[in-house]
Amino acid sequence: MAGVALLLAALLVSQPPAAAQPDPDRVEAGVAPGAPVPDTRPGEAFADPKVAQLQRTASAVQRELGDLAGQIHLAEVELQKATDQLARARAEREAADATVAAQQQEVDAYSAAVFSAMSRPSGVQVLLTAANPDDFLHGSELVAAIRADQDGRLSAALRRQGAALAAERAAADAERAA
């Protein structure tokens, strides 16, 4: 019987009083017993500083990739504009080349006809073939007008060709830059 009394005494000493034992239904600080305590810190994973640093680095890389994608898109748009401008400039230069070629053929045909008929028209030839001073004046004016017309038409075609060539070069430079 002494053993039973000793056992009862040991049990009473080892157990805390009823007020000191936790209540299994009691909720403390908004957390139910047995539930994991939530991390109230916002944002990154604070469990491991290396994980948090990796998350920050990944976010920065994603932002940079987004920025680069936007820059690539803008560069593609600029390249397309430059390519279109180059195509228009080439078409204009080709049209100017065709005009110059046509004018050159016309001048060549006229020159061939004049030379075969009466050689190169000149003031001396007009003087020798004129019957009176009025014929000489009219002939001289005609020769000057023909030369001025030929020179003007060919010069205009050459200027147009030069401008088209310059525009084509500028468009090609813009395309290379884009």
Protein backbone atom coordinates (compact mmCIF):
# COMPACT_ATOMS: atom_id res chain seq x y z
CA MET A 1 0.00 0.00 0.00
CA ALA A 2 2.89 2.26 0.54
CA GLY A 3 3.73 1.80 -3.12
CA VAL A 4 0.29 2.99 -4.17
CA ALA A 5 0.54 6.05 -1.98
CA LEU A 6 3.95 6.85 -3.37
CA LEU A 7 2.63 6.54 -6.90
CA LEU A 8 -0.28 8.89 -6.18
CA ALA A 9 2.04 11.42 -4.66
CA ALA A 10 4.32 11.30 -7.68
CA LEU A 11 1.40 11.86 -10.04
CA LEU A 12 0.16 14.85 -8.12
CA VAL A 13 3.59 16.45 -8.03
CA SER A 14 4.35 15.86 -11.73
CA GLN A 15 1.10 17.32 -13.12
CA PRO A 16 0.68 21.12 -13.14
CA PRO A 17 -2.46 22.63 -11.70
CA ALA A 18 -5.54 22.75 -13.98
CA ALA A 19 -5.20 26.49 -14.61
CA ALA A 20 -1.69 26.04 -16.00
CA GLN A 21 -2.65 23.39 -18.61
CA PRO A 22 -3.45 24.75 -22.14
CA ASP A 23 -7.04 24.54 -23.26
CA PRO A 24 -7.22 22.54 -26.50
CA ASP A 25 -10.09 24.70 -27.84
CA ARG A 26 -8.49 28.00 -26.99
CA VAL A 27 -7.31 30.25 -29.91
CA GLU A 28 -4.34 32.41 -29.22
CA ALA A 29 -3.43 35.44 -31.44
CA GLY A 30 -5.78 34.31 -34.19
CA VAL A 31 -4.09 30.95 -34.72
CA ALA A 32 -5.88 27.71 -33.97
CA PRO A 33 -3.93 25.08 -32.00
CA GLY A 34 -1.94 22.80 -34.29
CA ALA A 35 -2.14 25.23 -37.28
CA PRO A 36 1.13 26.63 -38.67
CA VAL A 37 1.80 30.23 -37.77
CA PRO A 38 1.47 32.39 -40.93
CA ASP A 39 4.32 34.68 -41.96
CA THR A 40 2.99 38.21 -41.58
CA ARG A 41 5.90 39.73 -43.47
CA PRO A 42 4.75 40.84 -46.97
CA GLY A 43 6.38 40.06 -50.28
CA GLU A 44 9.46 37.96 -50.56
CA ALA A 45 10.26 34.54 -49.16
CA PHE A 46 11.94 35.29 -45.84
CA ALA A 47 12.55 31.69 -44.93
CA ASP A 48 15.93 31.83 -46.70
CA PRO A 49 17.76 35.05 -47.71
CA LYS A 50 19.25 33.29 -50.76
CA VAL A 51 15.75 32.48 -52.05
CA ALA A 52 14.67 36.09 -51.51
CA GLN A 53 17.72 37.36 -53.44
CA LEU A 54 17.00 34.93 -56.28
CA GLN A 55 13.40 36.17 -56.43
CA ARG A 56 14.56 39.80 -56.64
CA THR A 57 17.07 38.92 -59.36
CA ALA A 58 14.43 37.00 -61.33
CA SER A 59 12.03 39.96 -61.12
CA ALA A 60 14.74 42.35 -62.34
CA VAL A 61 15.62 40.05 -65.24
CA GLN A 62 11.96 39.79 -66.25
CA ARG A 63 11.60 43.58 -66.24
CA GLU A 64 14.76 43.93 -68.32
CA LEU A 65 13.52 41.31 -70.80
CA GLY A 66 10.24 43.18 -71.11
CA ASP A 67 12.09 46.43 -71.79
CA LEU A 68 14.31 44.73 -74.37
CA ALA A 69 11.30 43.19 -76.09
CA GLY A 70 9.78 46.67 -76.38
CA GLN A 71 13.00 48.05 -77.82
CA ILE A 72 13.17 45.20 -80.32
CA HIS A 73 9.61 45.90 -81.42
CA LEU A 74 10.38 49.60 -81.92
CA ALA A 75 13.52 48.73 -83.89
CA GLU A 76 11.52 46.37 -86.11
CA VAL A 77 8.96 49.10 -86.78
CA GLU A 78 11.74 51.57 -87.65
CA LEU A 79 13.40 48.98 -89.90
CA GLN A 80 10.14 48.41 -91.76
CA LYS A 81 9.67 52.15 -92.24
CA ALA A 82 13.24 52.50 -93.53
CA THR A 83 12.79 49.51 -95.85
CA ASP A 84 9.58 51.00 -97.25
CA GLN A 85 11.29 54.36 -97.74
CA LEU A 86 14.20 52.64 -99.51
CA ALA A 87 11.79 50.81 -101.82
CA ARG A 88 10.05 54.09 -102.72
CA ALA A 89 13.41 55.81 -103.31
CA ARG A 90 14.57 52.95 -105.53
CA ALA A 91 11.37 53.12 -107.55
CA GLU A 92 11.80 56.88 -107.97
CA ARG A 93 15.44 56.45 -109.02
CA GLU A 94 14.49 53.76 -111.52
CA ALA A 95 11.81 56.07 -112.98
CA ALA A 96 14.39 58.87 -113.18
CA ASP A 97 16.84 56.51 -114.89
CA ALA A 98 14.16 55.61 -117.42
CA THR A 99 13.44 59.31 -118.04
CA VAL A 100 17.13 60.05 -118.56
CA ALA A 101 17.44 57.12 -120.91
CA ALA A 102 14.40 58.27 -122.89
CA GLN A 103 15.69 61.84 -123.04
CA GLN A 104 19.12 60.64 -124.08
CA GLN A 105 17.59 58.53 -126.85
CA GLU A 106 15.55 61.50 -128.03
CA VAL A 107 18.61 63.77 -128.04
CA ASP A 108 20.63 61.11 -129.82
CA ALA A 109 17.93 60.63 -132.47
CA TYR A 110 17.61 64.37 -133.01
CA SER A 111 21.36 64.83 -133.21
CA ALA A 112 21.65 61.99 -135.70
CA ALA A 113 18.89 63.50 -137.85
CA VAL A 114 20.42 66.97 -137.76
CA PHE A 115 23.91 65.75 -138.56
CA SER A 116 22.71 63.61 -141.42
CA ALA A 117 20.61 66.43 -142.88
CA MET A 118 22.94 69.38 -142.53
CA SER A 119 25.64 68.55 -140.02
CA ARG A 120 25.66 70.25 -136.63
CA PRO A 121 23.48 73.37 -136.58
CA SER A 122 25.58 76.42 -135.89
CA GLY A 123 25.56 80.16 -136.27
CA VAL A 124 28.04 79.90 -139.16
CA GLN A 125 25.79 77.53 -141.06
CA VAL A 126 22.80 79.81 -140.50
CA LEU A 127 24.87 82.75 -141.77
CA LEU A 128 25.90 80.91 -144.90
CA THR A 129 22.38 79.70 -145.73
CA ALA A 130 20.50 82.90 -144.88
CA ALA A 131 19.10 84.86 -147.83
CA ASN A 132 18.64 88.05 -145.84
CA PRO A 133 19.29 89.43 -142.31
CA ASP A 134 15.86 88.35 -141.09
CA ASP A 135 16.56 84.73 -142.10
CA PHE A 136 19.87 84.90 -140.21
CA LEU A 137 18.21 86.26 -137.07
CA HIS A 138 15.39 83.73 -137.16
CA GLY A 139 17.81 80.88 -137.88
CA SER A 140 20.13 81.92 -135.04
CA GLU A 141 17.21 82.12 -132.63
CA LEU A 142 15.99 78.71 -133.79
CA VAL A 143 19.41 77.09 -133.29
CA ALA A 144 19.74 78.68 -129.83
CA ALA A 145 16.23 77.60 -128.85
CA ILE A 146 16.81 74.02 -130.01
CA ARG A 147 20.06 73.78 -128.06
CA ALA A 148 18.53 75.36 -124.95
CA ASP A 149 15.55 73.01 -125.11
CA GLN A 150 17.74 69.94 -125.48
CA ASP A 151 20.08 71.07 -122.73
CA GLY A 152 17.19 71.95 -120.40
CA ARG A 153 15.38 68.66 -120.87
CA LEU A 154 18.50 66.58 -120.43
CA SER A 155 19.64 68.67 -117.43
CA ALA A 156 16.24 68.31 -115.76
CA ALA A 157 16.31 64.56 -116.25
CA LEU A 158 19.85 64.39 -114.86
CA ARG A 159 18.87 66.50 -111.81
CA ARG A 160 15.89 64.24 -111.16
CA GLN A 161 18.13 61.20 -111.47
CA GLY A 162 20.69 62.73 -109.07
CA ALA A 163 18.01 63.60 -106.51
CA ALA A 164 16.53 60.11 -106.74
CA LEU A 165 19.97 58.58 -106.29
CA ALA A 166 20.64 60.75 -103.22
CA ALA A 167 17.25 59.80 -101.75
CA GLU A 168 17.99 56.13 -102.37
CA ARG A 169 21.37 56.41 -100.62
CA ALA A 170 19.78 58.20 -97.64
CA ALA A 171 17.07 55.54 -97.39
CA ALA A 172 19.68 52.77 -97.58
CA ASP A 173 21.67 54.47 -94.79
CA ALA A 174 18.49 54.74 -92.69
CA GLU A 175 17.74 51.06 -93.29
CA ARG A 176 21.27 50.06 -92.23
CA ALA A 177 20.98 52.24 -89.12
CA ALA A 178 17.63 50.72 -88.21
